[in-house]
Amino acid sequence: MERTVYRYSFEQPPRLDPDPLYAQLRSAEPVARVQAPFGREAWLVTRYDAVKSVFDDPRFSRSLAAGSDAPRRCPAMTPPNGIISLDPPEHTRMRKLFASAFSMRGVKRVRPWAEKVVDGLVDELVGHGPPADIIPILTKRVPVMTICEVLGFPYSVSEEFGGAPQLMVSIGADQVPAARAARAGMLDRIRGLVVARRERPADDLFSALVREADNGGQITVAELVTMAELLLSNGYETTSNELANFVFALLTHPGQAAWLRTDLSRVPDAVEELLRFVPLAAGVPSAGGHSRVASVDVELDGVTIAAGDAVLPAINSANRDESVFAEPDRLALDRAPNAHLAFGHGPHHCLGAQLARMQGQVILTALLSRFPKLELAVAPAEVPWRTDGIQRHPTELLVTW
């Protein structure tokens, strides 16, 4: 049977609306053939159960997708030496070294610090006065300060890197040299921090891992530098964009916001629903970050995925699967149960998931408690959105109170 090969990513709908083609594919062609802007053709998997299976099944390999011509939205390919490009047991070895800092217990330890930081930044919002752009004052600064705190990096690093993470998720071919230079600059700066920690060790995660690497432990210096760059980039850019989307989604659903404001103990559940509802990635990841390659023939939703074929599990589609979530296109902050796949699943479940959850909870709690009348300062249709990156998010989010 000759199959339709869809151009992927699909047409980008406005704001946080889902692409209707996902729903069509879930119903009629849940494993579809697609061609991304860069790389070879792939199988796009759109139903919840199948997406979860791809994440969990060791026959779908991340390492086989790295350094190859994986389907992706920008020219850059996934570096083969990072943790997202490894399969167990190598992936397990690397992940264990960072697990305690990003565990629920580790994140609980850093939460009081984050609450104090957010309160101070909200004070800046108050001092600025309405209308204020919440992105540069709050949602851009909290994630990079938090990841620096967790790793043990000086906060000056956040200023030095500037817009490097944003460049690195750009999709334009003309931005490739700048993106490469930005990543090289980040790696050089982290190598400098390795030297500094050797000379002046501190009581922090990064110092401990430098000692581990220098003593022939479970990580090399090269792996540590790559891992730190990945955590900084994702912990900053991805989380900051997600937080801005959360605020936009909440303020464009005033009834839901009012319900949440009456009882702030509901915030953790609300964050889970926002994670499900918000389609952060605009289709294919930049360097095939979620793509896998089948190591053997695998049957999936009635389709045989041949060994060597690339597979793209569509998280945005899985989180809107009507067979799992009632009224999936409706934001329902009291939704339960809510087993979304925003952080993936299985061995590559996002290492920073608990940290991202905590930041969302702290920021929403602060905004709702400090600003009883918080609302957008412009009509939703007037909010500008980024269109040249792999992530969908406002570039300015003016609020008033």
Protein backbone atom coordinates (compact mmCIF):
# COMPACT_ATOMS: atom_id res chain seq x y z
CA MET A 1 0.00 0.00 0.00
CA GLU A 2 1.33 3.40 -0.97
CA ARG A 3 1.31 5.74 2.00
CA THR A 4 0.93 9.50 2.13
CA VAL A 5 4.14 11.17 3.31
CA TYR A 6 3.16 14.21 5.37
CA ARG A 7 5.35 17.30 5.63
CA TYR A 8 6.28 17.63 9.29
CA SER A 9 6.05 19.82 11.30
CA PHE A 10 2.51 20.55 10.20
CA GLU A 11 1.05 24.00 9.80
CA GLN A 12 1.58 25.81 13.09
CA PRO A 13 -1.77 26.82 14.58
CA PRO A 14 -2.12 30.08 16.47
CA ARG A 15 -0.98 30.40 20.07
CA LEU A 16 -1.46 27.14 22.00
CA ASP A 17 -4.08 25.57 19.76
CA PRO A 18 -3.42 21.94 18.73
CA ASP A 19 -2.92 21.07 15.10
CA PRO A 20 -6.16 19.36 13.96
CA LEU A 21 -4.18 16.93 11.81
CA TYR A 22 -2.99 15.13 14.95
CA ALA A 23 -6.57 14.19 15.82
CA GLN A 24 -7.18 13.03 12.24
CA LEU A 25 -4.10 10.83 12.32
CA ARG A 26 -4.94 9.35 15.72
CA SER A 27 -8.24 8.23 14.26
CA ALA A 28 -7.29 7.17 10.75
CA GLU A 29 -3.52 6.69 10.54
CA PRO A 30 -1.95 6.53 14.02
CA VAL A 31 1.46 5.53 12.62
CA ALA A 32 2.04 7.84 9.65
CA ARG A 33 4.95 8.46 7.32
CA VAL A 34 6.44 11.97 7.61
CA GLN A 35 9.27 14.04 6.17
CA ALA A 36 10.84 16.61 8.46
CA PRO A 37 12.61 19.74 7.14
CA PHE A 38 15.95 17.98 7.67
CA GLY A 39 16.89 14.33 7.83
CA ARG A 40 15.30 11.20 6.48
CA GLU A 41 11.68 10.10 6.54
CA ALA A 42 10.25 8.76 9.78
CA TRP A 43 7.21 7.13 11.32
CA LEU A 44 5.12 9.59 13.34
CA VAL A 45 3.35 7.91 16.27
CA THR A 46 0.32 9.84 17.53
CA ARG A 47 -1.72 7.69 19.96
CA TYR A 48 -1.02 7.82 23.67
CA ASP A 49 -0.39 4.11 24.26
CA ALA A 50 1.90 3.77 21.26
CA VAL A 51 3.87 6.92 22.15
CA LYS A 52 4.36 5.61 25.67
CA SER A 53 5.47 2.26 24.26
CA VAL A 54 8.10 3.89 22.05
CA PHE A 55 9.54 5.71 25.05
CA ASP A 56 9.62 2.54 27.14
CA ASP A 57 10.64 -0.12 24.61
CA PRO A 58 14.43 -0.75 24.46
CA ARG A 59 14.05 -1.83 20.83
CA PHE A 60 13.62 1.87 19.99
CA SER A 61 17.12 3.25 20.44
CA ARG A 62 18.25 6.81 21.10
CA SER A 63 21.90 6.05 20.40
CA LEU A 64 21.09 4.80 16.89
CA ALA A 65 19.35 8.14 16.21
CA ALA A 66 22.27 10.28 17.41
CA GLY A 67 24.91 11.43 15.01
CA SER A 68 22.87 10.08 12.10
CA ASP A 69 20.58 11.85 9.69
CA ALA A 70 17.73 11.83 12.20
CA PRO A 71 14.49 13.68 11.33
CA ARG A 72 14.69 17.17 12.76
CA ARG A 73 13.49 20.72 12.31
CA CYS A 74 16.85 22.48 12.09
CA PRO A 75 20.19 21.61 10.47
CA ALA A 76 22.02 20.70 13.69
CA MET A 77 22.11 17.03 14.64
CA THR A 78 22.09 15.55 18.14
CA PRO A 79 25.65 15.23 19.51
CA PRO A 80 26.41 11.51 20.03
CA ASN A 81 28.08 11.95 23.43
CA GLY A 82 25.26 13.54 25.44
CA ILE A 83 22.98 11.73 27.87
CA ILE A 84 19.94 12.08 25.60
CA SER A 85 21.87 10.16 22.95
CA LEU A 86 22.70 7.16 25.12
CA ASP A 87 20.90 3.89 25.77
CA PRO A 88 21.17 1.88 28.98
CA PRO A 89 23.50 0.93 30.59
CA GLU A 90 25.56 4.01 29.62
CA HIS A 91 22.54 6.26 30.01
CA THR A 92 21.80 4.77 33.43
CA ARG A 93 25.38 5.36 34.58
CA MET A 94 25.26 9.04 33.65
CA ARG A 95 21.77 9.64 35.00
CA LYS A 96 22.55 8.19 38.43
CA LEU A 97 25.26 10.80 39.01
CA PHE A 98 22.73 13.64 38.77
CA ALA A 99 19.63 11.86 40.06
CA SER A 100 19.80 12.92 43.72
CA ALA A 101 19.98 16.66 42.92
CA PHE A 102 16.95 16.43 40.61
CA SER A 103 14.93 14.00 42.71
CA MET A 104 11.80 15.03 44.59
CA ARG A 105 13.85 15.22 47.78
CA GLY A 106 16.61 17.24 46.13
CA VAL A 107 14.13 19.68 44.62
CA LYS A 108 12.35 20.02 47.97
CA ARG A 109 15.64 21.24 49.47
CA VAL A 110 15.97 24.02 46.89
CA ARG A 111 12.32 25.11 46.99
CA PRO A 112 12.63 27.63 49.88
CA TRP A 113 15.45 29.32 47.96
CA ALA A 114 13.28 29.42 44.82
CA GLU A 115 10.35 30.90 46.73
CA LYS A 116 12.57 33.67 48.05
CA VAL A 117 13.94 34.40 44.58
CA VAL A 118 10.47 34.50 43.02
CA ASP A 119 9.17 36.81 45.76
CA GLY A 120 12.01 39.20 45.02
CA LEU A 121 11.31 39.17 41.29
CA VAL A 122 7.60 39.72 41.92
CA ASP A 123 8.66 42.74 43.99
CA GLU A 124 10.43 43.97 40.84
CA LEU A 125 7.19 43.54 38.90
CA VAL A 126 5.39 45.62 41.52
CA GLY A 127 8.10 48.25 41.38
CA HIS A 128 7.89 48.38 37.60
CA GLY A 129 4.15 48.90 37.75
CA PRO A 130 1.57 47.78 35.20
CA PRO A 131 1.69 47.03 32.39
CA ALA A 132 4.81 44.89 32.78
CA ASP A 133 6.34 42.23 30.56
CA ILE A 134 6.49 39.18 32.78
CA ILE A 135 9.00 37.33 30.57
CA PRO A 136 12.27 39.26 31.12
CA ILE A 137 11.42 40.07 34.74
CA LEU A 138 10.26 36.65 35.90
CA THR A 139 9.88 33.66 33.59
CA LYS A 140 13.28 34.06 31.87
CA ARG A 141 15.25 34.63 35.04
CA VAL A 142 13.90 32.03 37.43
CA PRO A 143 14.91 28.93 35.41
CA VAL A 144 18.50 29.95 34.73
CA MET A 145 19.03 31.08 38.33
CA THR A 146 17.55 27.80 39.55
CA ILE A 147 19.67 25.53 37.38
CA CYS A 148 22.77 27.47 38.41
CA GLU A 149 21.79 27.00 42.05
CA VAL A 150 21.28 23.25 41.61
CA LEU A 151 24.55 22.71 39.74
CA GLY A 152 26.57 25.09 41.88
CA PHE A 153 27.40 27.55 39.09
CA PRO A 154 27.92 31.26 39.76
CA TYR A 155 24.85 33.29 38.79
CA SER A 156 27.05 35.39 36.51
CA VAL A 157 26.96 32.43 34.12
CA SER A 158 23.36 33.28 33.28
CA GLU A 159 24.41 36.74 32.09
CA GLU A 160 27.44 35.43 30.19
CA PHE A 161 25.44 32.94 28.16
CA GLY A 162 22.88 35.58 27.24
CA GLY A 163 20.80 34.40 24.28
CA ALA A 164 22.93 31.33 23.52
CA PRO A 165 20.27 28.73 24.43
CA GLN A 166 17.68 30.58 22.34
CA LEU A 167 20.01 30.59 19.33
CA MET A 168 20.60 26.88 19.74
CA VAL A 169 16.91 26.06 19.23
CA SER A 170 16.51 28.26 16.15
CA ILE A 171 15.36 26.58 12.97
CA GLY A 172 16.81 28.88 10.30
CA ALA A 173 19.74 27.55 8.29
CA ASP A 174 21.22 31.06 8.34
CA GLN A 175 21.50 30.84 12.12
CA VAL A 176 23.59 27.67 12.15
CA PRO A 177 27.00 29.41 12.45
CA ALA A 178 25.76 31.59 15.31
CA ALA A 179 24.18 28.59 17.04
CA ARG A 180 27.40 26.59 16.76
CA ALA A 181 29.41 29.51 18.08
CA ALA A 182 26.98 29.95 20.96
CA ARG A 183 27.26 26.30 21.96
CA ALA A 184 31.05 26.38 21.64
CA GLY A 185 31.11 29.42 23.93
CA MET A 186 28.98 27.65 26.52
CA LEU A 187 31.21 24.58 26.44
CA ASP A 188 34.36 26.68 26.80
CA ARG A 189 32.90 28.53 29.78
CA ILE A 190 31.98 25.26 31.48
CA ARG A 191 35.48 23.90 30.87
CA GLY A 192 36.74 27.02 32.61
CA LEU A 193 34.47 26.23 35.55
CA VAL A 194 35.97 22.74 35.75
CA VAL A 195 39.42 24.31 36.16
CA ALA A 196 38.08 26.78 38.74
CA ARG A 197 36.49 23.99 40.80
CA ARG A 198 39.74 22.03 40.76
CA GLU A 199 41.55 25.03 42.18
CA ARG A 200 38.80 26.10 44.59
CA PRO A 201 36.39 23.23 45.31
CA ALA A 202 33.02 24.14 46.79
CA ASP A 203 30.28 22.18 48.51
CA ASP A 204 28.15 21.77 45.40
CA LEU A 205 27.18 19.18 42.79
CA PHE A 206 29.55 20.42 40.11
CA SER A 207 32.60 20.29 42.41
CA ALA A 208 31.68 16.75 43.45
CA LEU A 209 31.40 15.66 39.83
CA VAL A 210 34.70 17.30 38.90
CA ARG A 211 36.34 15.24 41.67
CA GLU A 212 34.53 12.14 40.38
CA ALA A 213 35.86 12.72 36.87
CA ASP A 214 39.41 13.52 37.98
CA ASN A 215 39.57 10.39 40.13
CA GLY A 216 38.57 8.08 37.30
CA GLY A 217 35.00 7.67 38.52
CA GLN A 218 31.71 7.14 36.71
CA ILE A 219 31.98 10.20 34.48
CA THR A 220 34.67 11.79 32.33
CA VAL A 221 35.40 15.50 32.15
CA ALA A 222 34.12 15.60 28.56
CA GLU A 223 30.86 13.94 29.61
CA LEU A 224 30.48 16.32 32.54
CA VAL A 225 30.96 19.37 30.34
CA THR A 226 28.43 18.11 27.78
CA MET A 227 25.92 17.20 30.49
CA ALA A 228 26.23 20.58 32.21
CA GLU A 229 25.68 22.37 28.89
CA LEU A 230 22.57 20.28 28.22
CA LEU A 231 21.15 20.97 31.67
CA LEU A 232 21.82 24.69 31.34
CA SER A 233 20.28 24.92 27.89
CA ASN A 234 17.19 22.84 28.63
CA GLY A 235 16.81 24.02 32.20
CA TYR A 236 16.86 27.61 30.98
CA GLU A 237 15.28 27.83 27.54
CA THR A 238 12.70 25.05 27.73
CA THR A 239 11.53 25.84 31.25
CA SER A 240 11.34 29.60 30.70
CA ASN A 241 9.23 29.11 27.57
CA GLU A 242 6.98 26.65 29.36
CA LEU A 243 6.45 29.04 32.27
CA ALA A 244 5.45 31.87 29.93
CA ASN A 245 3.00 29.51 28.24
CA PHE A 246 1.55 28.54 31.61
CA VAL A 247 0.83 32.17 32.49
CA PHE A 248 -0.69 32.83 29.06
CA ALA A 249 -2.90 29.73 29.27
CA LEU A 250 -4.07 30.60 32.75
CA LEU A 251 -4.85 34.24 31.95
CA THR A 252 -6.79 33.28 28.83
CA HIS A 253 -8.97 30.96 30.93
CA PRO A 254 -10.14 33.39 33.62
CA GLY A 255 -12.72 30.99 35.04
CA GLN A 256 -10.02 28.41 35.65
CA ALA A 257 -7.73 31.05 37.15
CA ALA A 258 -10.49 32.21 39.51
CA TRP A 259 -11.13 28.61 40.60
CA LEU A 260 -7.44 28.12 41.31
CA ARG A 261 -7.09 31.40 43.19
CA THR A 262 -9.74 30.36 45.74
CA ASP A 263 -7.56 27.48 46.95
CA LEU A 264 -3.85 27.59 46.19
CA SER A 265 -3.38 24.03 47.44
CA ARG A 266 -4.74 23.12 44.00
CA VAL A 267 -1.67 24.56 42.25
CA PRO A 268 0.25 21.24 41.92
CA ASP A 269 -2.69 19.63 40.11
CA ALA A 270 -3.07 22.75 37.98
CA VAL A 271 0.57 22.56 36.92
CA GLU A 272 0.08 18.94 35.82
CA GLU A 273 -2.85 19.96 33.64
CA LEU A 274 -0.91 22.87 32.18
CA LEU A 275 1.91 20.47 31.33
CA ARG A 276 -0.57 18.26 29.50
CA PHE A 277 -2.43 21.09 27.79
CA VAL A 278 0.46 23.25 26.59
CA PRO A 279 2.00 22.04 23.28
CA LEU A 280 5.51 23.36 23.88
CA ALA A 281 7.45 21.82 21.02
CA ALA A 282 6.36 22.97 17.59
CA GLY A 283 6.49 19.53 16.01
CA VAL A 284 9.82 17.87 15.24
CA PRO A 285 12.52 18.59 17.84
CA SER A 286 15.53 20.60 16.71
CA ALA A 287 17.99 17.74 16.63
CA GLY A 288 15.64 14.80 16.86
CA GLY A 289 15.68 14.86 20.65
CA HIS A 290 12.70 12.52 20.91
CA SER A 291 13.41 10.48 17.82
CA ARG A 292 14.34 6.82 18.06
CA VAL A 293 15.58 4.24 15.59
CA ALA A 294 14.24 0.71 15.66
CA SER A 295 17.01 -1.82 16.34
CA VAL A 296 14.82 -4.71 15.11
CA ASP A 297 11.48 -5.01 13.34
CA VAL A 298 8.70 -3.88 15.70
CA GLU A 299 4.91 -4.06 15.29
CA LEU A 300 3.25 -0.83 16.42
CA ASP A 301 -0.45 0.01 16.05
CA GLY A 302 -0.76 -2.40 13.14
CA VAL A 303 2.33 -1.11 11.31
CA THR A 304 5.65 -2.92 11.01
CA ILE A 305 8.50 -0.57 11.87
CA ALA A 306 11.52 -2.03 10.09
CA ALA A 307 14.90 -2.22 11.77
CA GLY A 308 16.75 1.01 11.00
CA ASP A 309 13.59 3.11 10.59
CA ALA A 310 13.33 6.38 12.51
CA VAL A 311 10.34 6.90 14.80
CA LEU A 312 8.97 10.17 16.19
CA PRO A 313 6.68 9.84 19.25
CA ALA A 314 4.37 12.88 19.17
CA ILE A 315 3.96 14.02 22.77
CA ASN A 316 1.64 16.89 21.80
CA SER A 317 -0.72 14.41 20.18
CA ALA A 318 -0.51 11.82 22.97
CA ASN A 319 -1.46 14.47 25.53
CA ARG A 320 -4.61 15.26 23.54
CA ASP A 321 -5.65 11.63 22.96
CA GLU A 322 -9.41 11.43 23.53
CA SER A 323 -9.19 7.76 24.45
CA VAL A 324 -7.18 8.72 27.54
CA PHE A 325 -8.24 12.28 28.39
CA ALA A 326 -11.90 13.33 28.44
CA GLU A 327 -12.43 16.55 26.45
CA PRO A 328 -8.69 16.70 25.77
CA ASP A 329 -8.76 20.15 24.13
CA ARG A 330 -10.27 21.71 27.25
CA LEU A 331 -8.07 23.10 30.01
CA ALA A 332 -9.38 21.47 33.20
CA LEU A 333 -7.14 22.31 36.15
CA ASP A 334 -8.92 19.75 38.33
CA ARG A 335 -8.32 16.91 35.87
CA ALA A 336 -7.67 13.58 37.58
CA PRO A 337 -6.11 11.23 36.85
CA ASN A 338 -3.64 13.02 34.60
CA ALA A 339 -0.91 10.69 33.39
CA HIS A 340 0.39 13.09 30.73
CA LEU A 341 3.60 12.48 28.81
CA ALA A 342 4.96 16.04 28.85
CA PHE A 343 8.22 14.79 30.36
CA GLY A 344 8.36 11.64 28.26
CA HIS A 345 8.38 8.19 29.82
CA GLY A 346 10.74 5.34 30.55
CA PRO A 347 14.55 5.60 30.85
CA HIS A 348 14.68 9.03 29.19
CA HIS A 349 11.93 10.54 31.34
CA CYS A 350 13.06 14.15 31.77
CA LEU A 351 15.71 14.39 34.49
CA GLY A 352 14.56 17.91 35.41
CA ALA A 353 10.85 17.09 35.64
CA GLN A 354 10.57 17.69 39.39
CA LEU A 355 12.56 20.91 39.13
CA ALA A 356 10.32 22.22 36.34
CA ARG A 357 7.20 21.28 38.30
CA MET A 358 8.47 23.10 41.37
CA GLN A 359 9.21 26.29 39.43
CA GLY A 360 5.75 26.27 37.89
CA GLN A 361 4.15 25.79 41.28
CA VAL A 362 6.20 28.54 42.95
CA ILE A 363 5.62 31.09 40.20
CA LEU A 364 1.87 30.48 39.87
CA THR A 365 1.40 30.55 43.64
CA ALA A 366 3.28 33.85 43.91
CA LEU A 367 1.42 35.50 41.03
CA LEU A 368 -2.04 34.40 42.16
CA SER A 369 -1.47 35.35 45.78
CA ARG A 370 0.24 38.69 45.12
CA PHE A 371 -2.00 39.84 42.25
CA PRO A 372 -5.70 39.06 42.87
CA LYS A 373 -6.64 40.85 39.64
CA LEU A 374 -3.80 39.72 37.38
CA GLU A 375 -4.75 39.73 33.70
CA LEU A 376 -3.30 40.26 30.26
CA ALA A 377 -2.72 43.91 29.41
CA VAL A 378 -3.55 43.25 25.72
CA ALA A 379 -6.02 41.05 23.89
CA PRO A 380 -4.78 37.44 23.51
CA ALA A 381 -4.60 37.89 19.74
CA GLU A 382 -2.16 40.79 20.22
CA VAL A 383 0.39 38.72 22.15
CA PRO A 384 3.44 38.16 19.86
CA TRP A 385 4.72 34.59 19.44
CA ARG A 386 8.06 33.18 18.39
CA THR A 387 7.94 31.49 14.99
CA ASP A 388 11.62 30.82 14.25
CA GLY A 389 12.31 28.23 16.94
CA ILE A 390 11.39 24.68 17.81
CA GLN A 391 9.37 25.82 20.82
CA ARG A 392 6.14 27.75 20.79
CA HIS A 393 5.98 30.63 23.28
CA PRO A 394 5.20 34.36 23.59
CA THR A 395 8.04 36.78 23.01
CA GLU A 396 6.30 39.41 25.14
CA LEU A 397 3.64 38.90 27.76
CA LEU A 398 2.29 42.18 29.12
CA VAL A 399 0.24 41.85 32.27
CA THR A 400 -1.61 44.25 34.49
CA TRP A 401 -3.13 44.05 37.96
